[in-house]
C-alpha cells in the first residue's frame, strides 16, 4: 500500500514539475478579410477637337473685266484691269467647313482711258481642307451681287446683277492669330454677265 502511494506521489510530482513545459496548441481565430472587388477602369476616348474660329481678313484686290465674248458685237474685245481692296468676315465651324461674307471694291484704273471699277457683295459656304499643319485649301460657293461703277466712256459697260459666285484659295498661318491668304473669285457666273475675275491677297486675323 505504501508503495502504491509512493508511486502516485512521484507521478504527480513529475506532472507538476513538467507543467511549465507543456505546449498547448490553439488554432488561431480566422478573421475574415473583405476581398476588394476589382473595378475595370474604362478610359474615355481622347478626341482632339478644333475650336470654332471667328476671323476678319483685309486684302488687296485685282479685278479683270471683259465686256463680252461675241465677236460680232463692236464692243467686244474690251478688257481692263482695276485695283482696289476687299474685306472678308467668316466663321470656321471646324477644320472642314465654314461660312464667309465678302465685300470688294476697285477704284484704281489702269490706262489713260480708265477702267470699269467693280463693287461686289457675297455670302459663301466655305468647304476647306487642311493640306498641312500650316496650310489650308478652301473653296467658296455662294450668292453674290456685283455692279460696275463706270465713268466717262465706260458707262456703257454697266453691270448690275446677282447670282451664283465661286472661288478657290489658300491660307498659310504664321501664328494662331495671323494668316496670309490668296484666292481667286468669279464674281458673277451667269450667261448674260461679262467675265469678272478677281484676285485677292491679304492677311487674316483670328479671334
N, C-alpha and C. Protein backbone atom coordinates (compact mmCIF):
# COMPACT_ATOMS: atom_id res chain seq x y z
N UNK A 1 0.83 -1.19 0.00
CA UNK A 1 0.00 0.00 0.00
C UNK A 1 0.86 1.24 0.00
N UNK A 2 1.89 1.22 0.85
CA UNK A 2 2.80 2.35 0.88
C UNK A 2 3.51 2.55 -0.46
N UNK A 3 3.83 1.41 -1.07
CA UNK A 3 4.50 1.52 -2.38
C UNK A 3 3.58 2.17 -3.40
N UNK A 4 2.30 1.85 -3.34
CA UNK A 4 1.35 2.44 -4.30
C UNK A 4 1.22 3.91 -4.08
N UNK A 5 1.12 4.35 -2.80
CA UNK A 5 1.03 5.79 -2.53
C UNK A 5 2.29 6.50 -2.95
N UNK A 6 3.45 5.88 -2.73
CA UNK A 6 4.71 6.50 -3.14
C UNK A 6 4.80 6.69 -4.64
N UNK A 7 4.34 5.67 -5.33
CA UNK A 7 4.37 5.79 -6.82
C UNK A 7 3.45 6.88 -7.30
N UNK A 8 2.24 6.97 -6.71
CA UNK A 8 1.29 8.02 -7.09
C UNK A 8 1.85 9.39 -6.77
N UNK A 9 2.52 9.49 -5.63
CA UNK A 9 3.09 10.79 -5.24
C UNK A 9 4.19 11.20 -6.21
N UNK A 10 5.03 10.28 -6.57
CA UNK A 10 6.13 10.60 -7.51
C UNK A 10 5.59 10.98 -8.89
N UNK A 11 4.54 10.30 -9.31
CA UNK A 11 3.97 10.62 -10.64
C UNK A 11 3.34 11.99 -10.66
N UNK A 12 2.64 12.29 -9.55
CA UNK A 12 2.01 13.63 -9.51
C UNK A 12 3.05 14.72 -9.46
N UNK A 13 4.17 14.44 -8.76
CA UNK A 13 5.25 15.44 -8.74
C UNK A 13 5.86 15.65 -10.11
N UNK A 14 6.02 14.57 -10.86
CA UNK A 14 6.58 14.73 -12.21
C UNK A 14 5.67 15.54 -13.12
N UNK A 15 4.37 15.24 -12.96
CA UNK A 15 3.42 16.00 -13.81
C UNK A 15 3.44 17.47 -13.47
N UNK A 16 3.54 17.80 -12.20
CA UNK A 16 3.54 19.18 -11.76
C UNK A 16 4.83 19.87 -12.17
N UNK A 17 5.95 19.11 -12.04
CA UNK A 17 7.23 19.73 -12.39
C UNK A 17 7.34 20.03 -13.87
N UNK A 18 6.77 19.23 -14.68
CA UNK A 18 6.92 19.47 -16.14
C UNK A 18 5.78 20.25 -16.74
N UNK A 19 4.91 20.78 -15.87
CA UNK A 19 3.76 21.51 -16.41
C UNK A 19 4.13 22.76 -17.16
N UNK A 20 5.26 23.35 -16.76
CA UNK A 20 5.66 24.60 -17.42
C UNK A 20 6.12 24.36 -18.85
N UNK A 21 6.48 23.12 -19.15
CA UNK A 21 7.00 22.83 -20.48
C UNK A 21 5.95 22.28 -21.43
N UNK A 22 4.74 22.24 -20.95
CA UNK A 22 3.69 21.69 -21.81
C UNK A 22 3.22 22.78 -22.77
N UNK A 23 3.25 22.53 -24.06
CA UNK A 23 2.80 23.48 -25.09
C UNK A 23 1.41 23.10 -25.53
N UNK A 24 0.51 23.99 -25.34
CA UNK A 24 -0.88 23.74 -25.74
C UNK A 24 -1.13 24.44 -27.07
N UNK A 25 -1.44 23.74 -28.10
CA UNK A 25 -1.71 24.30 -29.43
C UNK A 25 -3.17 24.75 -29.51
N UNK A 26 -3.33 26.00 -29.85
CA UNK A 26 -4.68 26.54 -30.02
C UNK A 26 -4.82 27.07 -31.44
N UNK A 27 -5.78 26.59 -32.11
CA UNK A 27 -5.99 27.02 -33.51
C UNK A 27 -6.38 28.49 -33.54
N UNK A 28 -5.64 29.30 -34.33
CA UNK A 28 -5.92 30.76 -34.34
C UNK A 28 -7.30 31.05 -34.90
N UNK A 29 -7.82 32.13 -34.35
CA UNK A 29 -9.15 32.57 -34.81
C UNK A 29 -9.04 33.18 -36.21
N UNK A 30 -9.85 32.72 -37.12
CA UNK A 30 -9.82 33.23 -38.50
C UNK A 30 -10.67 34.49 -38.61
N UNK A 31 -10.00 35.57 -38.92
CA UNK A 31 -10.72 36.85 -39.10
C UNK A 31 -10.95 37.06 -40.59
N UNK A 32 -12.17 37.13 -41.00
CA UNK A 32 -12.42 37.30 -42.45
C UNK A 32 -11.92 38.64 -42.97
N UNK A 33 -11.21 38.59 -44.08
CA UNK A 33 -10.68 39.81 -44.72
C UNK A 33 -11.53 40.09 -45.96
N UNK A 34 -12.17 41.24 -45.98
CA UNK A 34 -13.01 41.53 -47.16
C UNK A 34 -12.17 41.62 -48.43
N UNK A 35 -12.63 40.98 -49.45
CA UNK A 35 -11.91 40.99 -50.73
C UNK A 35 -12.32 42.22 -51.54
N UNK A 36 -11.33 42.87 -52.08
CA UNK A 36 -11.61 44.03 -52.92
C UNK A 36 -12.19 43.58 -54.25
N UNK A 37 -13.24 44.24 -54.62
CA UNK A 37 -13.87 43.90 -55.90
C UNK A 37 -13.18 44.71 -57.00
N UNK A 38 -12.50 44.06 -57.93
CA UNK A 38 -11.79 44.83 -58.97
C UNK A 38 -12.77 45.59 -59.84
N UNK A 39 -12.44 46.85 -60.08
CA UNK A 39 -13.25 47.71 -60.94
C UNK A 39 -12.46 47.98 -62.20
N UNK A 40 -13.03 47.62 -63.29
CA UNK A 40 -12.34 47.83 -64.57
C UNK A 40 -12.33 49.30 -64.91
N UNK A 41 -11.14 49.84 -65.09
CA UNK A 41 -11.03 51.25 -65.44
C UNK A 41 -11.26 51.41 -66.93
N UNK A 42 -12.26 52.20 -67.25
CA UNK A 42 -12.59 52.43 -68.65
C UNK A 42 -12.08 53.81 -69.03
N UNK A 43 -11.11 53.84 -69.89
CA UNK A 43 -10.52 55.11 -70.32
C UNK A 43 -11.43 55.76 -71.34
N UNK A 44 -11.75 57.04 -71.10
CA UNK A 44 -12.58 57.77 -72.05
C UNK A 44 -11.78 58.04 -73.31
N UNK A 45 -12.39 57.88 -74.46
CA UNK A 45 -11.67 58.15 -75.70
C UNK A 45 -11.24 59.60 -75.79
N UNK A 46 -10.01 59.79 -76.19
CA UNK A 46 -9.46 61.14 -76.31
C UNK A 46 -9.66 61.62 -77.74
N UNK A 47 -10.41 62.66 -77.88
CA UNK A 47 -10.65 63.24 -79.20
C UNK A 47 -10.19 64.68 -79.20
N UNK A 48 -9.42 65.02 -80.19
CA UNK A 48 -8.92 66.38 -80.31
C UNK A 48 -9.85 67.15 -81.23
N UNK A 49 -10.50 68.16 -80.70
CA UNK A 49 -11.44 68.95 -81.47
C UNK A 49 -10.82 70.29 -81.83
N UNK A 50 -11.13 70.74 -83.03
CA UNK A 50 -10.65 72.04 -83.49
C UNK A 50 -11.68 73.08 -83.11
N UNK A 51 -11.31 74.08 -82.31
CA UNK A 51 -12.31 75.07 -81.89
C UNK A 51 -12.79 75.92 -83.06
N UNK A 52 -14.03 76.36 -82.96
CA UNK A 52 -14.58 77.26 -83.96
C UNK A 52 -13.83 78.59 -83.90
N UNK A 53 -13.67 79.22 -85.05
CA UNK A 53 -12.86 80.44 -85.13
C UNK A 53 -13.63 81.52 -85.88
N UNK A 54 -13.71 82.69 -85.28
CA UNK A 54 -14.22 83.89 -85.95
C UNK A 54 -13.02 84.66 -86.48
N UNK A 55 -13.12 85.14 -87.72
CA UNK A 55 -11.97 85.83 -88.30
C UNK A 55 -12.41 87.00 -89.17
N UNK A 56 -11.45 87.90 -89.37
CA UNK A 56 -11.62 89.05 -90.26
C UNK A 56 -10.38 89.12 -91.14
N UNK A 57 -10.59 89.34 -92.45
CA UNK A 57 -9.47 89.46 -93.37
C UNK A 57 -9.58 90.73 -94.20
N UNK A 58 -8.45 91.35 -94.46
CA UNK A 58 -8.38 92.53 -95.33
C UNK A 58 -7.30 92.27 -96.37
N UNK A 59 -7.53 92.76 -97.59
CA UNK A 59 -6.55 92.48 -98.62
C UNK A 59 -6.62 93.41 -99.81
N UNK A 60 -5.71 93.19 -100.71
CA UNK A 60 -5.59 93.93 -101.97
C UNK A 60 -6.32 93.15 -103.05
N UNK A 61 -7.06 93.84 -103.92
CA UNK A 61 -7.86 93.19 -104.96
C UNK A 61 -7.44 93.65 -106.35
N UNK A 62 -7.40 92.69 -107.28
CA UNK A 62 -7.17 92.96 -108.70
C UNK A 62 -8.35 92.38 -109.47
N UNK A 63 -9.02 93.19 -110.27
CA UNK A 63 -10.21 92.74 -111.00
C UNK A 63 -10.00 92.87 -112.50
N UNK A 64 -10.28 91.78 -113.23
CA UNK A 64 -10.25 91.79 -114.70
C UNK A 64 -11.68 91.81 -115.21
N UNK A 65 -11.96 92.73 -116.12
CA UNK A 65 -13.29 92.89 -116.69
C UNK A 65 -13.21 92.70 -118.20
N UNK A 66 -13.98 91.75 -118.72
CA UNK A 66 -14.06 91.52 -120.17
C UNK A 66 -15.50 91.77 -120.60
N UNK A 67 -15.70 92.70 -121.58
CA UNK A 67 -17.05 93.17 -121.90
C UNK A 67 -17.94 92.07 -122.43
N UNK A 68 -17.48 91.28 -123.38
CA UNK A 68 -18.33 90.24 -123.95
C UNK A 68 -17.48 89.24 -124.72
N UNK A 69 -18.16 88.21 -125.22
CA UNK A 69 -17.48 87.16 -125.97
C UNK A 69 -17.95 87.07 -127.41
N UNK A 70 -18.89 87.95 -127.79
CA UNK A 70 -19.47 87.92 -129.12
C UNK A 70 -18.61 88.75 -130.07
N UNK A 71 -17.97 88.10 -131.01
CA UNK A 71 -17.05 88.81 -131.90
C UNK A 71 -17.79 89.75 -132.86
N UNK A 72 -19.10 89.55 -133.08
CA UNK A 72 -19.86 90.44 -133.95
C UNK A 72 -20.29 91.72 -133.25
N UNK A 73 -20.17 91.75 -131.95
CA UNK A 73 -20.51 92.94 -131.19
C UNK A 73 -19.34 93.91 -131.23
N UNK A 74 -19.60 95.18 -131.61
CA UNK A 74 -18.48 96.13 -131.72
C UNK A 74 -17.78 96.42 -130.39
N UNK A 75 -18.50 96.18 -129.31
CA UNK A 75 -17.87 96.43 -128.01
C UNK A 75 -16.99 95.28 -127.54
N UNK A 76 -17.05 94.18 -128.29
CA UNK A 76 -16.26 93.03 -127.86
C UNK A 76 -14.77 93.32 -128.00
N UNK A 77 -14.04 92.65 -127.20
CA UNK A 77 -12.61 92.87 -127.20
C UNK A 77 -12.18 93.85 -126.13
N UNK A 78 -13.17 94.56 -125.54
CA UNK A 78 -12.81 95.49 -124.47
C UNK A 78 -12.48 94.71 -123.20
N UNK A 79 -11.35 95.02 -122.64
CA UNK A 79 -10.93 94.37 -121.40
C UNK A 79 -10.08 95.34 -120.61
N UNK A 80 -10.27 95.38 -119.32
CA UNK A 80 -9.44 96.25 -118.49
C UNK A 80 -9.17 95.60 -117.14
N UNK A 81 -8.31 96.24 -116.40
CA UNK A 81 -7.95 95.77 -115.05
C UNK A 81 -8.03 96.94 -114.10
N UNK A 82 -8.68 96.72 -112.98
CA UNK A 82 -8.74 97.74 -111.94
C UNK A 82 -8.25 97.15 -110.61
N UNK A 83 -7.94 98.06 -109.68
CA UNK A 83 -7.34 97.64 -108.42
C UNK A 83 -8.12 98.25 -107.26
N UNK A 84 -8.15 97.54 -106.15
CA UNK A 84 -8.87 98.05 -105.01
C UNK A 84 -8.60 97.26 -103.74
N UNK A 85 -9.63 97.14 -102.91
CA UNK A 85 -9.49 96.49 -101.61
C UNK A 85 -10.66 95.53 -101.38
N UNK A 86 -10.46 94.61 -100.46
CA UNK A 86 -11.52 93.68 -100.12
C UNK A 86 -11.52 93.41 -98.62
N UNK A 87 -12.71 93.02 -98.13
CA UNK A 87 -12.90 92.69 -96.73
C UNK A 87 -13.63 91.35 -96.66
N UNK A 88 -13.19 90.48 -95.79
CA UNK A 88 -13.85 89.19 -95.57
C UNK A 88 -14.05 88.96 -94.08
N UNK A 89 -15.24 88.50 -93.73
CA UNK A 89 -15.58 88.18 -92.35
C UNK A 89 -16.17 86.77 -92.36
N UNK A 90 -15.60 85.88 -91.56
CA UNK A 90 -16.05 84.49 -91.61
C UNK A 90 -16.05 83.81 -90.27
N UNK A 91 -16.59 82.60 -90.30
CA UNK A 91 -16.67 81.77 -89.10
C UNK A 91 -16.42 80.33 -89.51
N UNK A 92 -15.31 79.75 -89.04
CA UNK A 92 -14.98 78.35 -89.30
C UNK A 92 -15.59 77.48 -88.20
N UNK A 93 -16.59 76.67 -88.56
CA UNK A 93 -17.18 75.76 -87.59
C UNK A 93 -16.17 74.71 -87.14
N UNK A 94 -15.40 74.22 -88.08
CA UNK A 94 -14.34 73.26 -87.79
C UNK A 94 -13.33 73.34 -88.91
N UNK A 95 -12.43 72.37 -89.00
CA UNK A 95 -11.37 72.43 -90.00
C UNK A 95 -11.84 72.07 -91.40
N UNK A 96 -13.12 71.71 -91.56
CA UNK A 96 -13.61 71.28 -92.87
C UNK A 96 -14.72 72.17 -93.45
N UNK A 97 -15.34 73.00 -92.66
CA UNK A 97 -16.44 73.81 -93.20
C UNK A 97 -16.55 75.12 -92.43
N UNK A 98 -16.93 76.15 -93.16
CA UNK A 98 -17.15 77.46 -92.56
C UNK A 98 -18.09 78.27 -93.43
N UNK A 99 -18.38 79.49 -93.02
CA UNK A 99 -19.18 80.42 -93.80
C UNK A 99 -18.42 81.74 -93.85
N UNK A 100 -18.66 82.50 -94.92
CA UNK A 100 -17.91 83.75 -95.08
C UNK A 100 -18.72 84.77 -95.86
N UNK A 101 -18.64 86.03 -95.42
CA UNK A 101 -19.20 87.16 -96.14
C UNK A 101 -18.07 88.01 -96.70
N UNK A 102 -18.31 88.59 -97.91
CA UNK A 102 -17.24 89.36 -98.58
C UNK A 102 -17.77 90.67 -99.15
N UNK A 103 -16.87 91.64 -99.14
CA UNK A 103 -17.09 92.90 -99.85
C UNK A 103 -15.82 93.23 -100.60
N UNK A 104 -15.98 93.72 -101.85
CA UNK A 104 -14.83 94.08 -102.68
C UNK A 104 -15.17 95.33 -103.49
N UNK A 105 -14.18 96.22 -103.61
CA UNK A 105 -14.39 97.46 -104.37
C UNK A 105 -13.09 97.84 -105.03
N UNK A 106 -13.13 98.05 -106.37
CA UNK A 106 -11.95 98.55 -107.08
C UNK A 106 -12.16 100.03 -107.40
N UNK A 107 -11.07 100.77 -107.39
CA UNK A 107 -11.17 102.22 -107.62
C UNK A 107 -9.96 102.78 -108.34
N UNK A 108 -8.92 102.00 -108.53
CA UNK A 108 -7.75 102.45 -109.28
C UNK A 108 -7.81 101.86 -110.67
N UNK A 109 -7.74 102.72 -111.69
CA UNK A 109 -7.89 102.28 -113.08
C UNK A 109 -6.54 102.13 -113.75
N UNK A 110 -6.52 101.25 -114.73
CA UNK A 110 -5.30 101.03 -115.50
C UNK A 110 -5.46 101.69 -116.86
N UNK A 111 -4.49 102.46 -117.29
CA UNK A 111 -4.52 103.07 -118.62
C UNK A 111 -5.11 104.46 -118.62
N UNK A 112 -4.84 105.24 -119.66
CA UNK A 112 -5.30 106.64 -119.73
C UNK A 112 -6.81 106.77 -119.86
N UNK A 113 -7.50 105.77 -120.41
CA UNK A 113 -8.95 105.84 -120.60
C UNK A 113 -9.71 105.38 -119.37
N UNK A 114 -9.01 104.93 -118.36
CA UNK A 114 -9.69 104.43 -117.17
C UNK A 114 -10.22 103.03 -117.40
N UNK A 115 -10.80 102.49 -116.39
CA UNK A 115 -11.34 101.15 -116.47
C UNK A 115 -12.76 101.10 -115.93
N UNK A 116 -13.25 99.91 -115.66
CA UNK A 116 -14.59 99.73 -115.11
C UNK A 116 -14.44 99.27 -113.66
N UNK A 117 -14.56 100.20 -112.71
CA UNK A 117 -14.48 99.79 -111.30
C UNK A 117 -15.66 98.87 -110.96
N UNK A 118 -15.42 97.95 -110.07
CA UNK A 118 -16.44 96.99 -109.68
C UNK A 118 -16.65 97.02 -108.16
N UNK A 119 -17.89 96.70 -107.79
CA UNK A 119 -18.22 96.54 -106.38
C UNK A 119 -18.99 95.23 -106.22
N UNK A 120 -18.65 94.48 -105.18
CA UNK A 120 -19.23 93.14 -105.03
C UNK A 120 -19.50 92.84 -103.56
N UNK A 121 -20.67 92.22 -103.32
CA UNK A 121 -21.02 91.68 -102.00
C UNK A 121 -21.37 90.21 -102.19
N UNK A 122 -21.01 89.37 -101.23
CA UNK A 122 -21.34 87.96 -101.37
C UNK A 122 -21.36 87.23 -100.05
N UNK A 123 -22.15 86.15 -100.01
CA UNK A 123 -22.21 85.27 -98.85
C UNK A 123 -21.94 83.85 -99.32
N UNK A 124 -21.01 83.15 -98.66
CA UNK A 124 -20.49 81.90 -99.20
C UNK A 124 -20.41 80.79 -98.14
N UNK A 125 -20.66 79.57 -98.61
CA UNK A 125 -20.27 78.37 -97.88
C UNK A 125 -18.80 78.14 -98.19
N UNK A 126 -18.04 77.75 -97.18
CA UNK A 126 -16.59 77.64 -97.34
C UNK A 126 -16.11 76.23 -96.99
N UNK A 127 -16.18 75.29 -97.94
CA UNK A 127 -15.56 73.98 -97.70
C UNK A 127 -14.04 74.13 -97.70
N UNK A 128 -13.37 73.41 -96.81
CA UNK A 128 -11.92 73.57 -96.70
C UNK A 128 -11.27 72.26 -96.28
N UNK A 129 -9.96 72.22 -96.50
CA UNK A 129 -9.20 71.01 -96.18
C UNK A 129 -7.80 71.40 -95.71
N UNK A 130 -7.37 70.93 -94.53
CA UNK A 130 -6.01 71.23 -94.04
C UNK A 130 -4.97 70.36 -94.75
N UNK A 131 -4.35 70.90 -95.78
CA UNK A 131 -3.36 70.14 -96.54
C UNK A 131 -2.14 69.81 -95.69
N UNK A 132 -1.71 70.73 -94.86
CA UNK A 132 -0.63 70.50 -93.90
C UNK A 132 -1.03 71.15 -92.59
N UNK A 133 -0.16 71.07 -91.62
CA UNK A 133 -0.45 71.67 -90.32
C UNK A 133 -0.58 73.18 -90.42
N UNK A 134 0.11 73.80 -91.40
CA UNK A 134 0.12 75.26 -91.50
C UNK A 134 -0.60 75.79 -92.74
N UNK A 135 -1.02 74.92 -93.66
CA UNK A 135 -1.60 75.39 -94.92
C UNK A 135 -2.98 74.79 -95.13
N UNK A 136 -3.92 75.65 -95.46
CA UNK A 136 -5.32 75.25 -95.62
C UNK A 136 -5.81 75.64 -97.01
N UNK A 137 -6.48 74.72 -97.70
CA UNK A 137 -7.08 74.98 -99.01
C UNK A 137 -8.59 75.13 -98.81
N UNK A 138 -9.19 76.13 -99.46
CA UNK A 138 -10.62 76.34 -99.28
C UNK A 138 -11.29 76.71 -100.61
N UNK A 139 -12.58 76.49 -100.64
CA UNK A 139 -13.40 76.89 -101.77
C UNK A 139 -14.47 77.87 -101.32
N UNK A 140 -15.08 78.54 -102.27
CA UNK A 140 -16.16 79.48 -102.00
C UNK A 140 -17.32 79.16 -102.92
N UNK A 141 -18.49 78.90 -102.36
CA UNK A 141 -19.68 78.59 -103.13
C UNK A 141 -20.83 79.39 -102.54
N UNK A 142 -21.37 80.34 -103.34
CA UNK A 142 -22.43 81.15 -102.75
C UNK A 142 -23.12 82.07 -103.73
N UNK A 143 -23.68 83.11 -103.16
CA UNK A 143 -24.52 84.05 -103.90
C UNK A 143 -23.94 85.44 -103.71
N UNK A 144 -23.83 86.17 -104.83
CA UNK A 144 -23.26 87.50 -104.75
C UNK A 144 -23.99 88.52 -105.60
N UNK A 145 -23.77 89.76 -105.26
CA UNK A 145 -24.29 90.90 -106.04
C UNK A 145 -23.11 91.71 -106.54
N UNK A 146 -23.11 92.03 -107.82
CA UNK A 146 -22.00 92.76 -108.43
C UNK A 146 -22.55 93.91 -109.26
N UNK A 147 -21.90 95.06 -109.18
CA UNK A 147 -22.25 96.20 -110.01
C UNK A 147 -20.98 96.86 -110.51
N UNK A 148 -21.07 97.42 -111.70
CA UNK A 148 -19.95 98.18 -112.25
C UNK A 148 -20.20 99.65 -111.98
N UNK A 149 -19.12 100.35 -111.71
CA UNK A 149 -19.20 101.78 -111.40
C UNK A 149 -18.48 102.54 -112.51
N UNK A 150 -19.06 102.45 -113.72
CA UNK A 150 -18.41 103.03 -114.90
C UNK A 150 -18.34 104.54 -114.82
N UNK A 151 -17.35 105.07 -115.49
CA UNK A 151 -17.20 106.53 -115.55
C UNK A 151 -16.81 106.92 -116.97
N UNK A 152 -17.23 108.10 -117.39
CA UNK A 152 -16.88 108.60 -118.72
C UNK A 152 -17.37 107.68 -119.82
N UNK A 153 -16.50 107.32 -120.74
CA UNK A 153 -16.85 106.46 -121.87
C UNK A 153 -17.14 105.02 -121.44
N UNK A 154 -16.85 104.69 -120.23
CA UNK A 154 -17.04 103.32 -119.78
C UNK A 154 -18.42 103.08 -119.18
N UNK A 155 -19.28 104.08 -119.19
CA UNK A 155 -20.62 103.90 -118.63
C UNK A 155 -21.42 102.86 -119.40
N UNK A 156 -21.10 102.65 -120.68
CA UNK A 156 -21.86 101.66 -121.45
C UNK A 156 -21.56 100.23 -121.00
N UNK A 157 -20.48 100.05 -120.28
CA UNK A 157 -20.19 98.72 -119.75
C UNK A 157 -20.77 98.64 -118.34
N UNK A 158 -22.07 98.50 -118.27
CA UNK A 158 -22.74 98.56 -116.98
C UNK A 158 -23.20 97.17 -116.57
N UNK A 159 -22.93 96.85 -115.34
CA UNK A 159 -23.35 95.57 -114.78
C UNK A 159 -24.07 95.85 -113.46
N UNK A 160 -25.21 95.24 -113.28
CA UNK A 160 -25.95 95.37 -112.03
C UNK A 160 -26.77 94.09 -111.87
N UNK A 161 -26.19 93.10 -111.25
CA UNK A 161 -26.87 91.82 -111.17
C UNK A 161 -26.40 90.98 -110.01
N UNK A 162 -27.11 89.91 -109.77
CA UNK A 162 -26.78 88.98 -108.68
C UNK A 162 -26.93 87.56 -109.19
N UNK A 163 -26.28 86.65 -108.51
CA UNK A 163 -26.34 85.25 -108.91
C UNK A 163 -25.23 84.44 -108.27
N UNK A 164 -24.99 83.28 -108.86
CA UNK A 164 -24.00 82.36 -108.32
C UNK A 164 -22.60 82.92 -108.46
N UNK A 165 -21.80 82.74 -107.41
CA UNK A 165 -20.41 83.18 -107.39
C UNK A 165 -19.58 82.10 -106.74
N UNK A 166 -18.33 81.96 -107.16
CA UNK A 166 -17.49 80.89 -106.63
C UNK A 166 -16.03 81.30 -106.67
N UNK A 167 -15.22 80.58 -105.90
CA UNK A 167 -13.80 80.87 -105.86
C UNK A 167 -13.02 79.74 -105.20
N UNK A 168 -11.70 79.91 -105.18
CA UNK A 168 -10.82 78.94 -104.56
C UNK A 168 -9.59 79.68 -104.05
N UNK A 169 -9.02 79.19 -102.94
CA UNK A 169 -7.87 79.88 -102.39
C UNK A 169 -7.14 79.04 -101.36
N UNK A 170 -6.17 79.70 -100.71
CA UNK A 170 -5.37 79.04 -99.70
C UNK A 170 -4.99 79.99 -98.59
N UNK A 171 -4.75 79.43 -97.40
CA UNK A 171 -4.37 80.22 -96.22
C UNK A 171 -3.15 79.58 -95.57
N UNK A 172 -2.19 80.41 -95.22
CA UNK A 172 -0.99 79.93 -94.53
C UNK A 172 -0.89 80.65 -93.19
N UNK A 173 -0.86 79.88 -92.11
CA UNK A 173 -0.84 80.51 -90.79
C UNK A 173 0.58 80.71 -90.28
N UNK A 174 0.91 81.98 -90.05
CA UNK A 174 2.18 82.32 -89.41
C UNK A 174 2.11 82.01 -87.92
N UNK A 175 0.98 82.38 -87.31
CA UNK A 175 0.71 82.09 -85.89
C UNK A 175 -0.75 81.66 -85.79
N UNK A 176 -1.18 81.40 -84.57
CA UNK A 176 -2.59 81.03 -84.38
C UNK A 176 -3.52 82.21 -84.65
N UNK A 177 -2.99 83.42 -84.61
CA UNK A 177 -3.83 84.61 -84.77
C UNK A 177 -3.74 85.25 -86.15
N UNK A 178 -2.64 85.03 -86.88
CA UNK A 178 -2.43 85.75 -88.15
C UNK A 178 -2.13 84.75 -89.26
N UNK A 179 -2.83 84.91 -90.40
CA UNK A 179 -2.62 84.05 -91.56
C UNK A 179 -2.51 84.91 -92.82
N UNK A 180 -1.76 84.41 -93.77
CA UNK A 180 -1.68 85.01 -95.10
C UNK A 180 -2.62 84.24 -96.02
N UNK A 181 -3.44 84.95 -96.81
CA UNK A 181 -4.35 84.29 -97.72
C UNK A 181 -4.20 84.84 -99.14
N UNK A 182 -4.54 84.00 -100.09
CA UNK A 182 -4.59 84.40 -101.50
C UNK A 182 -5.69 83.57 -102.15
N UNK A 183 -6.53 84.21 -102.99
CA UNK A 183 -7.59 83.45 -103.65
C UNK A 183 -8.03 84.09 -104.95
N UNK A 184 -8.76 83.30 -105.72
CA UNK A 184 -9.36 83.72 -106.98
C UNK A 184 -10.87 83.59 -106.85
N UNK A 185 -11.61 84.56 -107.43
CA UNK A 185 -13.06 84.52 -107.38
C UNK A 185 -13.68 84.99 -108.68
N UNK A 186 -14.67 84.26 -109.15
CA UNK A 186 -15.50 84.70 -110.28
C UNK A 186 -16.73 85.37 -109.68
N UNK A 187 -16.86 86.68 -109.92
CA UNK A 187 -17.85 87.46 -109.20
C UNK A 187 -19.28 87.09 -109.54
N UNK A 188 -19.58 86.89 -110.80
CA UNK A 188 -20.96 86.62 -111.21
C UNK A 188 -20.92 85.61 -112.35
N UNK A 189 -21.48 84.44 -112.10
CA UNK A 189 -21.43 83.36 -113.10
C UNK A 189 -22.82 83.18 -113.69
N UNK A 190 -23.08 83.94 -114.73
CA UNK A 190 -24.33 83.80 -115.49
C UNK A 190 -23.98 83.97 -116.97
N UNK A 191 -24.88 83.50 -117.83
CA UNK A 191 -24.62 83.60 -119.27
C UNK A 191 -24.70 85.04 -119.76
N UNK A 192 -25.45 85.89 -119.07
CA UNK A 192 -25.61 87.28 -119.52
C UNK A 192 -24.49 88.19 -119.03
N UNK A 193 -23.85 87.85 -117.94
CA UNK A 193 -22.87 88.75 -117.35
C UNK A 193 -21.52 88.65 -118.06
N UNK A 194 -20.79 89.75 -118.15
CA UNK A 194 -19.42 89.69 -118.68
C UNK A 194 -18.52 88.93 -117.70
N UNK A 195 -17.35 88.60 -118.18
CA UNK A 195 -16.40 87.91 -117.31
C UNK A 195 -15.81 88.92 -116.32
N UNK A 196 -15.97 88.61 -115.04
CA UNK A 196 -15.41 89.47 -113.99
C UNK A 196 -14.67 88.57 -113.02
N UNK A 197 -13.35 88.56 -113.14
CA UNK A 197 -12.50 87.71 -112.32
C UNK A 197 -11.67 88.57 -111.38
N UNK A 198 -11.58 88.17 -110.13
CA UNK A 198 -10.81 88.94 -109.17
C UNK A 198 -9.78 88.05 -108.48
N UNK A 199 -8.70 88.66 -108.09
CA UNK A 199 -7.62 88.00 -107.36
C UNK A 199 -7.35 88.82 -106.10
N UNK A 200 -7.21 88.15 -104.97
CA UNK A 200 -7.03 88.82 -103.70
C UNK A 200 -5.84 88.24 -102.94
N UNK A 201 -5.16 89.11 -102.23
CA UNK A 201 -4.09 88.68 -101.32
C UNK A 201 -4.12 89.58 -100.10
N UNK A 202 -3.96 88.99 -98.92
CA UNK A 202 -4.02 89.82 -97.72
C UNK A 202 -3.76 89.01 -96.47
N UNK A 203 -4.17 89.58 -95.34
CA UNK A 203 -3.95 88.98 -94.03
C UNK A 203 -5.29 88.67 -93.37
N UNK A 204 -5.32 87.57 -92.67
CA UNK A 204 -6.49 87.13 -91.91
C UNK A 204 -6.15 87.15 -90.43
N UNK A 205 -7.08 87.68 -89.61
CA UNK A 205 -6.87 87.79 -88.16
C UNK A 205 -7.94 86.95 -87.44
N UNK A 206 -7.49 86.00 -86.64
CA UNK A 206 -8.39 85.09 -85.94
C UNK A 206 -8.67 85.58 -84.52
N UNK A 207 -9.91 85.35 -84.08
CA UNK A 207 -10.33 85.76 -82.75
C UNK A 207 -10.87 84.58 -81.96
